[in-house]
Amino acid sequence: MKARLALGVDGSRSGRASAAALTRRTLVRAKRTKYIFVTGGVVSSLGKGLASASIGALLENRGLEITHLKLDPYINVDPGTMSPFQHGEVFVTDDGAETDLDLGHYERFTTAQMGRFNNFTTGRIYNAVIQKERRGEYLGKTVQVIPHITDEIKAAIRQTADSLDCCIDEVGGTVGDIESLPFLEAIRQKKYDVGAENVCYNHLTLLPY
């Protein structure tokens, strides 16, 4: 009974103070970064990049701070040495990184500034994991796709979000590509890491007409 009276359940000042504190805690929890994952099926070049950029523009119009991340399943460390006829022209960011052309869409549609940490490839992820293994950071463990590769992907996602309101993550290629599997597993696990209420999955597919 004393505890109930201290909370001011009868509408006293202490009760109002408690309600205000609860509201502040709720606002702090609500500030947690939301993740939107965009994937595609059937064929590549569906327009996932434009869809992601459009989502970012809509969220910015609502006053939210957003960023973008492009996850590319190819084994090249970056698209700098790839033929533009295969994958399109590279987009060079302000920090000199040669990145996927979708980062150009993100910058043109939103005010978000892209850099080398807004584009990760399978090659870059594996390279980081292998370097850690060579330095002995895994303490003699057997390095595997799960959990080590998926953990590295999730670390890249977490680093890019950096306490913003929303991070829009696009997975390149299609969900049917074998090389996409570690990325799909990583974004699946993300729901359990940050809570289902902080994650949204958007899947694009071919709709012939």
Protein backbone atom coordinates (compact mmCIF):
# COMPACT_ATOMS: atom_id res chain seq x y z
CA MET A 1 0.00 0.00 0.00
CA LYS A 2 2.84 2.39 0.85
CA ALA A 3 4.40 1.76 -2.54
CA ARG A 4 1.09 2.51 -4.28
CA LEU A 5 0.66 5.76 -2.35
CA ALA A 6 4.22 6.79 -3.17
CA LEU A 7 3.38 6.47 -6.87
CA GLY A 8 0.46 8.83 -6.37
CA VAL A 9 -2.28 6.61 -7.79
CA ASP A 10 -4.81 9.11 -6.42
CA GLY A 11 -3.62 11.77 -8.89
CA SER A 12 -1.18 13.48 -6.58
CA ARG A 13 1.90 15.34 -7.78
CA SER A 14 4.11 12.29 -7.28
CA GLY A 15 1.84 10.36 -9.62
CA ARG A 16 2.20 12.99 -12.34
CA ALA A 17 5.97 12.96 -11.95
CA SER A 18 6.00 9.19 -12.30
CA ALA A 19 3.90 9.40 -15.47
CA ALA A 20 6.29 11.99 -16.91
CA ALA A 21 9.26 9.74 -16.16
CA LEU A 22 7.47 6.84 -17.86
CA THR A 23 6.84 9.02 -20.91
CA ARG A 24 10.53 9.96 -21.08
CA ARG A 25 11.54 6.30 -20.91
CA THR A 26 9.05 5.49 -23.65
CA LEU A 27 10.48 8.22 -25.88
CA VAL A 28 14.02 6.92 -25.31
CA ARG A 29 12.92 3.42 -26.32
CA ALA A 30 11.07 4.81 -29.34
CA LYS A 31 14.31 6.46 -30.55
CA ARG A 32 15.87 3.06 -31.20
CA THR A 33 17.00 2.69 -34.82
CA LYS A 34 14.53 1.04 -37.16
CA TYR A 35 15.83 -1.21 -39.94
CA ILE A 36 14.16 -1.59 -43.34
CA PHE A 37 15.51 -4.45 -45.46
CA VAL A 38 14.83 -4.48 -49.21
CA THR A 39 15.29 -7.69 -51.21
CA GLY A 40 14.33 -8.82 -54.70
CA GLY A 41 13.30 -12.01 -56.44
CA VAL A 42 13.10 -13.67 -59.88
CA VAL A 43 15.50 -11.29 -61.67
CA SER A 44 18.02 -8.63 -60.72
CA SER A 45 17.75 -4.96 -61.79
CA LEU A 46 14.13 -4.74 -60.65
CA GLY A 47 14.59 -1.28 -59.22
CA LYS A 48 15.43 -2.16 -55.62
CA GLY A 49 17.80 0.80 -55.44
CA LEU A 50 15.16 3.27 -56.58
CA ALA A 51 12.60 1.71 -54.23
CA SER A 52 15.06 2.02 -51.31
CA ALA A 53 15.89 5.62 -52.22
CA SER A 54 12.18 6.45 -52.49
CA ILE A 55 11.50 4.97 -49.04
CA GLY A 56 14.35 7.09 -47.69
CA ALA A 57 12.92 10.24 -49.29
CA LEU A 58 9.48 9.57 -47.80
CA LEU A 59 10.93 9.02 -44.32
CA GLU A 60 13.02 12.19 -44.55
CA ASN A 61 9.88 14.12 -45.47
CA ARG A 62 8.48 12.93 -42.14
CA GLY A 63 11.44 14.52 -40.36
CA LEU A 64 13.41 11.32 -39.70
CA GLU A 65 17.19 10.98 -39.89
CA ILE A 66 17.99 8.13 -42.26
CA THR A 67 20.90 6.42 -43.98
CA HIS A 68 21.30 3.71 -46.60
CA LEU A 69 23.39 0.55 -46.86
CA LYS A 70 23.93 -1.55 -49.99
CA LEU A 71 24.93 -5.19 -49.43
CA ASP A 72 26.27 -6.78 -52.63
CA PRO A 73 26.68 -10.58 -52.75
CA TYR A 74 29.44 -10.63 -55.39
CA ILE A 75 32.95 -11.63 -54.31
CA ASN A 76 34.69 -8.53 -55.69
CA VAL A 77 35.91 -6.36 -52.81
CA ASP A 78 34.34 -3.36 -54.55
CA PRO A 79 32.92 -2.67 -58.03
CA GLY A 80 35.90 -0.51 -59.02
CA THR A 81 37.46 -3.21 -61.23
CA MET A 82 34.19 -4.50 -62.69
CA SER A 83 33.08 -3.82 -66.25
CA PRO A 84 30.40 -1.08 -66.33
CA PHE A 85 28.61 -3.18 -68.95
CA GLN A 86 28.13 -5.90 -66.32
CA HIS A 87 27.12 -3.88 -63.31
CA GLY A 88 26.74 -0.26 -64.36
CA GLU A 89 28.96 2.73 -63.66
CA VAL A 90 30.52 2.92 -60.21
CA PHE A 91 29.57 5.78 -57.89
CA VAL A 92 32.54 7.51 -56.29
CA THR A 93 31.75 8.89 -52.83
CA ASP A 94 33.23 11.99 -51.20
CA ASP A 95 35.73 9.86 -49.28
CA GLY A 96 37.02 8.34 -52.55
CA ALA A 97 35.34 4.93 -52.31
CA GLU A 98 34.27 3.24 -55.55
CA THR A 99 30.82 1.92 -54.73
CA ASP A 100 27.67 0.52 -56.28
CA LEU A 101 25.67 2.84 -58.53
CA ASP A 102 22.68 2.61 -56.17
CA LEU A 103 24.52 4.86 -53.72
CA GLY A 104 24.12 7.57 -56.34
CA HIS A 105 20.35 7.07 -56.22
CA TYR A 106 20.42 7.33 -52.42
CA GLU A 107 22.31 10.64 -52.51
CA ARG A 108 20.12 12.14 -55.23
CA PHE A 109 16.84 11.18 -53.55
CA THR A 110 17.82 12.07 -49.96
CA THR A 111 20.16 14.33 -48.01
CA ALA A 112 22.11 11.33 -46.64
CA GLN A 113 25.84 11.48 -47.39
CA MET A 114 27.23 8.18 -48.67
CA GLY A 115 30.72 6.84 -47.97
CA ARG A 116 32.79 3.67 -47.94
CA PHE A 117 30.78 2.28 -45.02
CA ASN A 118 27.52 2.44 -46.99
CA ASN A 119 28.50 -0.39 -49.36
CA PHE A 120 29.70 -3.85 -48.36
CA THR A 121 30.32 -6.84 -50.63
CA THR A 122 30.86 -10.53 -49.98
CA GLY A 123 34.53 -10.03 -50.86
CA ARG A 124 34.93 -7.20 -48.37
CA ILE A 125 33.17 -9.12 -45.60
CA TYR A 126 35.24 -12.28 -46.17
CA ASN A 127 38.42 -10.22 -46.40
CA ALA A 128 37.70 -8.65 -42.99
CA VAL A 129 36.97 -12.05 -41.41
CA ILE A 130 40.12 -13.65 -42.87
CA GLN A 131 42.27 -10.78 -41.59
CA LYS A 132 40.78 -11.21 -38.12
CA GLU A 133 41.48 -14.94 -38.26
CA ARG A 134 45.12 -14.27 -39.24
CA ARG A 135 45.47 -11.90 -36.28
CA GLY A 136 44.15 -14.60 -33.96
CA GLU A 137 41.02 -12.69 -32.98
CA TYR A 138 38.88 -15.83 -33.08
CA LEU A 139 41.09 -17.54 -30.45
CA GLY A 140 41.66 -20.73 -32.42
CA LYS A 141 38.00 -21.33 -33.26
CA THR A 142 36.88 -22.87 -36.53
CA VAL A 143 35.80 -19.87 -38.61
CA GLN A 144 32.47 -20.52 -40.31
CA VAL A 145 29.81 -18.73 -42.33
CA ILE A 146 27.57 -18.92 -39.27
CA PRO A 147 28.29 -17.23 -36.94
CA HIS A 148 31.43 -15.43 -38.10
CA ILE A 149 30.46 -14.19 -41.57
CA THR A 150 26.91 -13.35 -40.51
CA ASP A 151 28.21 -11.55 -37.41
CA GLU A 152 30.52 -9.45 -39.61
CA ILE A 153 27.57 -8.54 -41.84
CA LYS A 154 25.48 -7.55 -38.82
CA ALA A 155 28.38 -5.48 -37.49
CA ALA A 156 28.48 -3.60 -40.81
CA ILE A 157 24.74 -2.96 -40.60
CA ARG A 158 24.99 -1.78 -36.99
CA GLN A 159 27.98 0.47 -37.71
CA THR A 160 26.21 2.16 -40.63
CA ALA A 161 23.01 2.82 -38.65
CA ASP A 162 24.95 4.69 -35.92
CA SER A 163 21.96 5.73 -33.76
CA LEU A 164 19.95 7.28 -36.61
CA ASP A 165 16.17 6.98 -36.78
CA CYS A 166 16.16 4.53 -39.68
CA CYS A 167 18.63 2.51 -41.75
CA ILE A 168 17.44 1.24 -45.15
CA ASP A 169 19.44 -1.83 -46.18
CA GLU A 170 19.27 -3.16 -49.72
CA VAL A 171 20.50 -6.68 -50.52
CA GLY A 172 21.66 -6.83 -54.14
CA GLY A 173 20.90 -9.62 -56.59
CA THR A 174 18.02 -11.97 -55.91
CA VAL A 175 17.07 -14.14 -52.95
CA GLY A 176 17.57 -17.20 -55.17
CA ASP A 177 21.30 -16.56 -55.59
CA ILE A 178 23.44 -18.92 -53.50
CA GLU A 179 25.86 -16.10 -52.66
CA SER A 180 23.00 -14.12 -51.09
CA LEU A 181 22.40 -16.69 -48.34
CA PRO A 182 24.76 -15.25 -45.67
CA PHE A 183 23.20 -11.80 -46.10
CA LEU A 184 19.66 -13.17 -45.90
CA GLU A 185 20.56 -15.11 -42.75
CA ALA A 186 22.14 -12.00 -41.22
CA ILE A 187 19.06 -9.84 -41.82
CA ARG A 188 16.86 -12.66 -40.50
CA GLN A 189 18.89 -12.72 -37.28
CA LYS A 190 18.67 -8.94 -37.02
CA LYS A 191 14.99 -9.24 -36.12
CA TYR A 192 15.93 -11.21 -33.00
CA ASP A 193 18.86 -8.92 -32.15
CA VAL A 194 16.90 -5.65 -32.13
CA GLY A 195 13.29 -6.85 -31.80
CA ALA A 196 10.64 -7.53 -34.42
CA GLU A 197 9.09 -4.10 -33.79
CA ASN A 198 12.30 -2.45 -35.07
CA VAL A 199 12.60 -4.39 -38.34
CA CYS A 200 10.64 -4.30 -41.60
CA TYR A 201 11.20 -6.53 -44.64
CA ASN A 202 10.26 -5.38 -48.15
CA HIS A 203 10.48 -7.86 -51.02
CA LEU A 204 10.27 -6.79 -54.66
CA THR A 205 9.47 -9.22 -57.45
CA LEU A 206 8.87 -9.24 -61.18
CA LEU A 207 5.25 -8.64 -62.16
CA PRO A 208 4.87 -9.12 -65.93
CA TYR A 209 1.91 -7.42 -67.59
